[in-house]
Amino acid sequence: MFNDQELMEWWDYKKHNRPFIVEFLYAYSFTKRPNMKELIDHGIIRDVTATPQGFEPLSKDQFRTILRLAQADPRGFVH
């Protein structure tokens, strides 16, 4: 989203209140990606007005449901 120069500008904007920066690692792609309706129908997201705007915790059951909907092999994810 930001190049190095833009990150430096945000970092130096308020020295005593620095931003929280997250770097994402792409590790796996589902072959079949569940859509919003499927996630709502299976209780992962409450409804369209409650779409996630950031990070939200998932229960183990919700995560297993996503893996099942994505037709992913759960052995690599769930312990």
PDB file of N, CA and C in Angstrom:
ATOM      1  N   MET A   1       0.805  -1.189   0.000  1.00  0.00           N
ATOM      2  CA  MET A   1       0.000   0.000   0.000  1.00  0.00           C
ATOM      3  C   MET A   1       0.853   1.262   0.000  1.00  0.00           C
ATOM      4  N   PHE A   2       1.991   1.245   0.678  1.00  0.00           N
ATOM      5  CA  PHE A   2       2.854   2.414   0.767  1.00  0.00           C
ATOM      6  C   PHE A   2       4.247   2.072   0.264  1.00  0.00           C
ATOM      7  N   ASN A   3       4.874   3.018  -0.392  1.00  0.00           N
ATOM      8  CA  ASN A   3       6.271   2.795  -0.752  1.00  0.00           C
ATOM      9  C   ASN A   3       7.142   3.163   0.453  1.00  0.00           C
ATOM     10  N   ASP A   4       8.445   2.941   0.347  1.00  0.00           N
ATOM     11  CA  ASP A   4       9.341   3.187   1.479  1.00  0.00           C
ATOM     12  C   ASP A   4       9.314   4.641   1.947  1.00  0.00           C
ATOM     13  N   GLN A   5       9.278   5.565   1.014  1.00  0.00           N
ATOM     14  CA  GLN A   5       9.260   6.991   1.381  1.00  0.00           C
ATOM     15  C   GLN A   5       7.987   7.348   2.152  1.00  0.00           C
ATOM     16  N   GLU A   6       6.845   6.852   1.692  1.00  0.00           N
ATOM     17  CA  GLU A   6       5.585   7.129   2.391  1.00  0.00           C
ATOM     18  C   GLU A   6       5.590   6.522   3.796  1.00  0.00           C
ATOM     19  N   LEU A   7       6.146   5.326   3.944  1.00  0.00           N
ATOM     20  CA  LEU A   7       6.236   4.714   5.274  1.00  0.00           C
ATOM     21  C   LEU A   7       7.096   5.559   6.208  1.00  0.00           C
ATOM     22  N   MET A   8       8.202   6.063   5.702  1.00  0.00           N
ATOM     23  CA  MET A   8       9.075   6.910   6.522  1.00  0.00           C
ATOM     24  C   MET A   8       8.355   8.187   6.954  1.00  0.00           C
ATOM     25  N   GLU A   9       7.569   8.780   6.053  1.00  0.00           N
ATOM     26  CA  GLU A   9       6.824   9.989   6.400  1.00  0.00           C
ATOM     27  C   GLU A   9       5.811   9.712   7.515  1.00  0.00           C
ATOM     28  N   TRP A  10       5.088   8.594   7.411  1.00  0.00           N
ATOM     29  CA  TRP A  10       4.130   8.238   8.464  1.00  0.00           C
ATOM     30  C   TRP A  10       4.852   7.918   9.762  1.00  0.00           C
ATOM     31  N   TRP A  11       5.996   7.242   9.661  1.00  0.00           N
ATOM     32  CA  TRP A  11       6.742   6.859  10.854  1.00  0.00           C
ATOM     33  C   TRP A  11       7.224   8.093  11.614  1.00  0.00           C
ATOM     34  N   ASP A  12       7.645   9.122  10.899  1.00  0.00           N
ATOM     35  CA  ASP A  12       8.178  10.326  11.525  1.00  0.00           C
ATOM     36  C   ASP A  12       7.110  11.378  11.829  1.00  0.00           C
ATOM     37  N   TYR A  13       5.859  11.126  11.465  1.00  0.00           N
ATOM     38  CA  TYR A  13       4.789  12.122  11.631  1.00  0.00           C
ATOM     39  C   TYR A  13       4.628  12.532  13.094  1.00  0.00           C
ATOM     40  N   LYS A  14       4.478  11.566  13.989  1.00  0.00           N
ATOM     41  CA  LYS A  14       4.389  11.822  15.431  1.00  0.00           C
ATOM     42  C   LYS A  14       5.345  10.850  16.118  1.00  0.00           C
ATOM     43  N   LYS A  15       6.470  11.339  16.540  1.00  0.00           N
ATOM     44  CA  LYS A  15       7.512  10.458  17.074  1.00  0.00           C
ATOM     45  C   LYS A  15       7.093   9.715  18.344  1.00  0.00           C
ATOM     46  N   HIS A  16       6.163  10.264  19.120  1.00  0.00           N
ATOM     47  CA  HIS A  16       5.739   9.618  20.361  1.00  0.00           C
ATOM     48  C   HIS A  16       4.476   8.776  20.178  1.00  0.00           C
ATOM     49  N   ASN A  17       3.935   8.760  18.985  1.00  0.00           N
ATOM     50  CA  ASN A  17       2.740   7.968  18.701  1.00  0.00           C
ATOM     51  C   ASN A  17       2.901   7.359  17.311  1.00  0.00           C
ATOM     52  N   ARG A  18       3.803   6.412  17.201  1.00  0.00           N
ATOM     53  CA  ARG A  18       4.119   5.831  15.895  1.00  0.00           C
ATOM     54  C   ARG A  18       3.026   4.860  15.455  1.00  0.00           C
ATOM     55  N   PRO A  19       2.838   4.739  14.142  1.00  0.00           N
ATOM     56  CA  PRO A  19       1.786   3.851  13.624  1.00  0.00           C
ATOM     57  C   PRO A  19       2.141   2.384  13.823  1.00  0.00           C
ATOM     58  N   PHE A  20       1.120   1.564  13.799  1.00  0.00           N
ATOM     59  CA  PHE A  20       1.282   0.116  13.875  1.00  0.00           C
ATOM     60  C   PHE A  20       1.335  -0.400  12.449  1.00  0.00           C
ATOM     61  N   ILE A  21       2.432  -1.014  12.070  1.00  0.00           N
ATOM     62  CA  ILE A  21       2.616  -1.479  10.693  1.00  0.00           C
ATOM     63  C   ILE A  21       2.677  -2.994  10.690  1.00  0.00           C
ATOM     64  N   VAL A  22       1.901  -3.609   9.802  1.00  0.00           N
ATOM     65  CA  VAL A  22       1.859  -5.062   9.689  1.00  0.00           C
ATOM     66  C   VAL A  22       2.325  -5.455   8.297  1.00  0.00           C
ATOM     67  N   GLU A  23       3.250  -6.397   8.241  1.00  0.00           N
ATOM     68  CA  GLU A  23       3.674  -6.947   6.954  1.00  0.00           C
ATOM     69  C   GLU A  23       3.063  -8.334   6.840  1.00  0.00           C
ATOM     70  N   PHE A  24       2.331  -8.568   5.765  1.00  0.00           N
ATOM     71  CA  PHE A  24       1.667  -9.840   5.569  1.00  0.00           C
ATOM     72  C   PHE A  24       2.559 -10.784   4.775  1.00  0.00           C
ATOM     73  N   LEU A  25       2.516 -12.037   5.133  1.00  0.00           N
ATOM     74  CA  LEU A  25       3.252 -13.074   4.433  1.00  0.00           C
ATOM     75  C   LEU A  25       2.249 -13.946   3.698  1.00  0.00           C
ATOM     76  N   TYR A  26       2.420 -14.059   2.404  1.00  0.00           N
ATOM     77  CA  TYR A  26       1.545 -14.910   1.601  1.00  0.00           C
ATOM     78  C   TYR A  26       2.067 -16.335   1.714  1.00  0.00           C
ATOM     79  N   ALA A  27       1.302 -17.202   2.322  1.00  0.00           N
ATOM     80  CA  ALA A  27       1.796 -18.551   2.577  1.00  0.00           C
ATOM     81  C   ALA A  27       0.972 -19.635   1.883  1.00  0.00           C
ATOM     82  N   TYR A  28      -0.302 -19.379   1.611  1.00  0.00           N
ATOM     83  CA  TYR A  28      -1.157 -20.431   1.070  1.00  0.00           C
ATOM     84  C   TYR A  28      -2.347 -19.790   0.373  1.00  0.00           C
ATOM     85  N   SER A  29      -2.787 -20.406  -0.692  1.00  0.00           N
ATOM     86  CA  SER A  29      -3.977 -19.934  -1.394  1.00  0.00           C
ATOM     87  C   SER A  29      -4.978 -21.085  -1.492  1.00  0.00           C
ATOM     88  N   PHE A  30      -6.204 -20.813  -1.096  1.00  0.00           N
ATOM     89  CA  PHE A  30      -7.248 -21.827  -1.231  1.00  0.00           C
ATOM     90  C   PHE A  30      -7.584 -22.031  -2.699  1.00  0.00           C
ATOM     91  N   THR A  31      -7.799 -23.275  -3.084  1.00  0.00           N
ATOM     92  CA  THR A  31      -8.216 -23.575  -4.446  1.00  0.00           C
ATOM     93  C   THR A  31      -9.618 -23.041  -4.689  1.00  0.00           C
ATOM     94  N   LYS A  32     -10.507 -23.289  -3.729  1.00  0.00           N
ATOM     95  CA  LYS A  32     -11.875 -22.754  -3.785  1.00  0.00           C
ATOM     96  C   LYS A  32     -11.996 -21.725  -2.671  1.00  0.00           C
ATOM     97  N   ARG A  33     -12.297 -20.514  -3.031  1.00  0.00           N
ATOM     98  CA  ARG A  33     -12.388 -19.444  -2.034  1.00  0.00           C
ATOM     99  C   ARG A  33     -13.845 -19.205  -1.637  1.00  0.00           C
ATOM    100  N   PRO A  34     -14.172 -19.356  -0.353  1.00  0.00           N
ATOM    101  CA  PRO A  34     -15.546 -19.089   0.086  1.00  0.00           C
ATOM    102  C   PRO A  34     -15.896 -17.615  -0.145  1.00  0.00           C
ATOM    103  N   ASN A  35     -17.131 -17.378  -0.593  1.00  0.00           N
ATOM    104  CA  ASN A  35     -17.556 -15.991  -0.796  1.00  0.00           C
ATOM    105  C   ASN A  35     -18.274 -15.474   0.456  1.00  0.00           C
ATOM    106  N   MET A  36     -18.630 -14.198   0.438  1.00  0.00           N
ATOM    107  CA  MET A  36     -19.247 -13.548   1.595  1.00  0.00           C
ATOM    108  C   MET A  36     -20.539 -14.259   2.008  1.00  0.00           C
ATOM    109  N   LYS A  37     -21.380 -14.642   1.036  1.00  0.00           N
ATOM    110  CA  LYS A  37     -22.645 -15.318   1.360  1.00  0.00           C
ATOM    111  C   LYS A  37     -22.386 -16.626   2.098  1.00  0.00           C
ATOM    112  N   GLU A  38     -21.406 -17.406   1.631  1.00  0.00           N
ATOM    113  CA  GLU A  38     -21.084 -18.667   2.308  1.00  0.00           C
ATOM    114  C   GLU A  38     -20.598 -18.418   3.735  1.00  0.00           C
ATOM    115  N   LEU A  39     -19.774 -17.393   3.915  1.00  0.00           N
ATOM    116  CA  LEU A  39     -19.275 -17.089   5.255  1.00  0.00           C
ATOM    117  C   LEU A  39     -20.401 -16.648   6.184  1.00  0.00           C
ATOM    118  N   ILE A  40     -21.358 -15.891   5.658  1.00  0.00           N
ATOM    119  CA  ILE A  40     -22.520 -15.482   6.451  1.00  0.00           C
ATOM    120  C   ILE A  40     -23.401 -16.691   6.739  1.00  0.00           C
ATOM    121  N   ASP A  41     -23.697 -17.499   5.710  1.00  0.00           N
ATOM    122  CA  ASP A  41     -24.555 -18.677   5.879  1.00  0.00           C
ATOM    123  C   ASP A  41     -24.003 -19.674   6.889  1.00  0.00           C
ATOM    124  N   HIS A  42     -22.683 -19.727   7.037  1.00  0.00           N
ATOM    125  CA  HIS A  42     -22.059 -20.686   7.950  1.00  0.00           C
ATOM    126  C   HIS A  42     -21.615 -20.060   9.274  1.00  0.00           C
ATOM    127  N   GLY A  43     -22.064 -18.826   9.536  1.00  0.00           N
ATOM    128  CA  GLY A  43     -21.837 -18.205  10.831  1.00  0.00           C
ATOM    129  C   GLY A  43     -20.439 -17.657  11.067  1.00  0.00           C
ATOM    130  N   ILE A  44     -19.646 -17.514  10.021  1.00  0.00           N
ATOM    131  CA  ILE A  44     -18.314 -16.939  10.178  1.00  0.00           C
ATOM    132  C   ILE A  44     -18.429 -15.425  10.316  1.00  0.00           C
ATOM    133  N   ILE A  45     -19.285 -14.820   9.507  1.00  0.00           N
ATOM    134  CA  ILE A  45     -19.593 -13.392   9.573  1.00  0.00           C
ATOM    135  C   ILE A  45     -21.078 -13.278   9.894  1.00  0.00           C
ATOM    136  N   ARG A  46     -21.429 -12.373  10.797  1.00  0.00           N
ATOM    137  CA  ARG A  46     -22.835 -12.280  11.245  1.00  0.00           C
ATOM    138  C   ARG A  46     -23.788 -11.908  10.121  1.00  0.00           C
ATOM    139  N   ASP A  47     -23.519 -10.824   9.416  1.00  0.00           N
ATOM    140  CA  ASP A  47     -24.362 -10.411   8.297  1.00  0.00           C
ATOM    141  C   ASP A  47     -23.591  -9.403   7.465  1.00  0.00           C
ATOM    142  N   VAL A  48     -24.217  -8.927   6.389  1.00  0.00           N
ATOM    143  CA  VAL A  48     -23.529  -8.020   5.469  1.00  0.00           C
ATOM    144  C   VAL A  48     -23.118  -6.728   6.167  1.00  0.00           C
ATOM    145  N   THR A  49     -23.909  -6.254   7.121  1.00  0.00           N
ATOM    146  CA  THR A  49     -23.558  -5.006   7.805  1.00  0.00           C
ATOM    147  C   THR A  49     -22.419  -5.208   8.799  1.00  0.00           C
ATOM    148  N   ALA A  50     -22.058  -6.463   9.078  1.00  0.00           N
ATOM    149  CA  ALA A  50     -20.995  -6.753  10.037  1.00  0.00           C
ATOM    150  C   ALA A  50     -19.728  -7.249   9.340  1.00  0.00           C
ATOM    151  N   THR A  51     -19.559  -6.871   8.082  1.00  0.00           N
ATOM    152  CA  THR A  51     -18.369  -7.335   7.367  1.00  0.00           C
ATOM    153  C   THR A  51     -17.112  -6.874   8.094  1.00  0.00           C
ATOM    154  N   PRO A  52     -16.111  -7.730   8.142  1.00  0.00           N
ATOM    155  CA  PRO A  52     -14.896  -7.388   8.887  1.00  0.00           C
ATOM    156  C   PRO A  52     -14.197  -6.166   8.306  1.00  0.00           C
ATOM    157  N   GLN A  53     -13.764  -5.274   9.167  1.00  0.00           N
ATOM    158  CA  GLN A  53     -13.037  -4.081   8.747  1.00  0.00           C
ATOM    159  C   GLN A  53     -11.582  -4.154   9.179  1.00  0.00           C
ATOM    160  N   GLY A  54     -11.195  -5.223   9.796  1.00  0.00           N
ATOM    161  CA  GLY A  54      -9.833  -5.378  10.287  1.00  0.00           C
ATOM    162  C   GLY A  54      -9.626  -6.805  10.737  1.00  0.00           C
ATOM    163  N   PHE A  55      -8.872  -6.975  11.791  1.00  0.00           N
ATOM    164  CA  PHE A  55      -8.605  -8.309  12.315  1.00  0.00           C
ATOM    165  C   PHE A  55      -9.696  -8.706  13.290  1.00  0.00           C
ATOM    166  N   GLU A  56     -10.178  -9.932  13.143  1.00  0.00           N
ATOM    167  CA  GLU A  56     -11.141 -10.474  14.090  1.00  0.00           C
ATOM    168  C   GLU A  56     -10.731 -11.898  14.409  1.00  0.00           C
ATOM    169  N   PRO A  57     -10.816 -12.272  15.680  1.00  0.00           N
ATOM    170  CA  PRO A  57     -10.435 -13.649  16.020  1.00  0.00           C
ATOM    171  C   PRO A  57     -11.442 -14.649  15.480  1.00  0.00           C
ATOM    172  N   LEU A  58     -10.952 -15.838  15.129  1.00  0.00           N
ATOM    173  CA  LEU A  58     -11.796 -16.944  14.703  1.00  0.00           C
ATOM    174  C   LEU A  58     -11.686 -18.055  15.726  1.00  0.00           C
ATOM    175  N   SER A  59     -12.801 -18.711  15.986  1.00  0.00           N
ATOM    176  CA  SER A  59     -12.735 -19.899  16.833  1.00  0.00           C
ATOM    177  C   SER A  59     -12.151 -21.042  15.991  1.00  0.00           C
ATOM    178  N   LYS A  60     -11.746 -22.102  16.666  1.00  0.00           N
ATOM    179  CA  LYS A  60     -11.235 -23.268  15.932  1.00  0.00           C
ATOM    180  C   LYS A  60     -12.312 -23.844  15.020  1.00  0.00           C
ATOM    181  N   ASP A  61     -13.556 -23.851  15.497  1.00  0.00           N
ATOM    182  CA  ASP A  61     -14.664 -24.371  14.673  1.00  0.00           C
ATOM    183  C   ASP A  61     -14.877 -23.494  13.434  1.00  0.00           C
ATOM    184  N   GLN A  62     -14.812 -22.172  13.595  1.00  0.00           N
ATOM    185  CA  GLN A  62     -14.968 -21.280  12.440  1.00  0.00           C
ATOM    186  C   GLN A  62     -13.844 -21.510  11.429  1.00  0.00           C
ATOM    187  N   PHE A  63     -12.618 -21.671  11.928  1.00  0.00           N
ATOM    188  CA  PHE A  63     -11.490 -21.908  11.039  1.00  0.00           C
ATOM    189  C   PHE A  63     -11.651 -23.236  10.305  1.00  0.00           C
ATOM    190  N   ARG A  64     -12.085 -24.261  11.011  1.00  0.00           N
ATOM    191  CA  ARG A  64     -12.320 -25.565  10.367  1.00  0.00           C
ATOM    192  C   ARG A  64     -13.421 -25.458   9.307  1.00  0.00           C
ATOM    193  N   THR A  65     -14.442 -24.649   9.588  1.00  0.00           N
ATOM    194  CA  THR A  65     -15.513 -24.447   8.606  1.00  0.00           C
ATOM    195  C   THR A  65     -14.968 -23.775   7.358  1.00  0.00           C
ATOM    196  N   ILE A  66     -14.128 -22.774   7.521  1.00  0.00           N
ATOM    197  CA  ILE A  66     -13.525 -22.109   6.359  1.00  0.00           C
ATOM    198  C   ILE A  66     -12.693 -23.108   5.557  1.00  0.00           C
ATOM    199  N   LEU A  67     -11.913 -23.935   6.242  1.00  0.00           N
ATOM    200  CA  LEU A  67     -11.116 -24.949   5.530  1.00  0.00           C
ATOM    201  C   LEU A  67     -12.016 -25.913   4.763  1.00  0.00           C
ATOM    202  N   ARG A  68     -13.133 -26.316   5.384  1.00  0.00           N
ATOM    203  CA  ARG A  68     -14.064 -27.225   4.707  1.00  0.00           C
ATOM    204  C   ARG A  68     -14.684 -26.547   3.480  1.00  0.00           C
ATOM    205  N   LEU A  69     -15.114 -25.284   3.626  1.00  0.00           N
ATOM    206  CA  LEU A  69     -15.701 -24.560   2.500  1.00  0.00           C
ATOM    207  C   LEU A  69     -14.691 -24.365   1.372  1.00  0.00           C
ATOM    208  N   ALA A  70     -13.417 -24.204   1.743  1.00  0.00           N
ATOM    209  CA  ALA A  70     -12.360 -23.982   0.755  1.00  0.00           C
ATOM    210  C   ALA A  70     -11.849 -25.297   0.176  1.00  0.00           C
ATOM    211  N   GLN A  71     -12.381 -26.399   0.681  1.00  0.00           N
ATOM    212  CA  GLN A  71     -11.955 -27.732   0.241  1.00  0.00           C
ATOM    213  C   GLN A  71     -10.447 -27.906   0.416  1.00  0.00           C
ATOM    214  N   ALA A  72      -9.933 -27.378   1.525  1.00  0.00           N
ATOM    215  CA  ALA A  72      -8.515 -27.469   1.852  1.00  0.00           C
ATOM    216  C   ALA A  72      -8.266 -28.652   2.772  1.00  0.00           C
ATOM    217  N   ASP A  73      -7.110 -29.234   2.683  1.00  0.00           N
ATOM    218  CA  ASP A  73      -6.724 -30.336   3.544  1.00  0.00           C
ATOM    219  C   ASP A  73      -6.394 -29.776   4.934  1.00  0.00           C
ATOM    220  N   PRO A  74      -7.193 -30.091   5.943  1.00  0.00           N
ATOM    221  CA  PRO A  74      -6.989 -29.490   7.258  1.00  0.00           C
ATOM    222  C   PRO A  74      -5.734 -29.986   7.975  1.00  0.00           C
ATOM    223  N   ARG A  75      -5.137 -31.061   7.510  1.00  0.00           N
ATOM    224  CA  ARG A  75      -3.968 -31.622   8.225  1.00  0.00           C
ATOM    225  C   ARG A  75      -2.807 -30.635   8.279  1.00  0.00           C
ATOM    226  N   GLY A  76      -2.699 -29.744   7.331  1.00  0.00           N
ATOM    227  CA  GLY A  76      -1.613 -28.767   7.339  1.00  0.00           C
ATOM    228  C   GLY A  76      -1.898 -27.544   8.186  1.00  0.00           C
ATOM    229  N   PHE A  77      -3.115 -27.438   8.721  1.00  0.00           N
ATOM    230  CA  PHE A  77      -3.519 -26.225   9.441  1.00  0.00           C
ATOM    231  C   PHE A  77      -3.922 -26.468  10.878  1.00  0.00           C
ATOM    232  N   VAL A  78      -4.654 -27.529  11.144  1.00  0.00           N
ATOM    233  CA  VAL A  78      -5.270 -27.738  12.450  1.00  0.00           C
ATOM    234  C   VAL A  78      -4.510 -28.822  13.220  1.00  0.00           C
ATOM    235  N   HIS A  79      -4.148 -28.471  14.443  1.00  0.00           N
ATOM    236  CA  HIS A  79      -3.429 -29.431  15.300  1.00  0.00           C
ATOM    237  C   HIS A  79      -4.301 -29.873  16.425  1.00  0.00           C
TER     238      HIS A  79
END
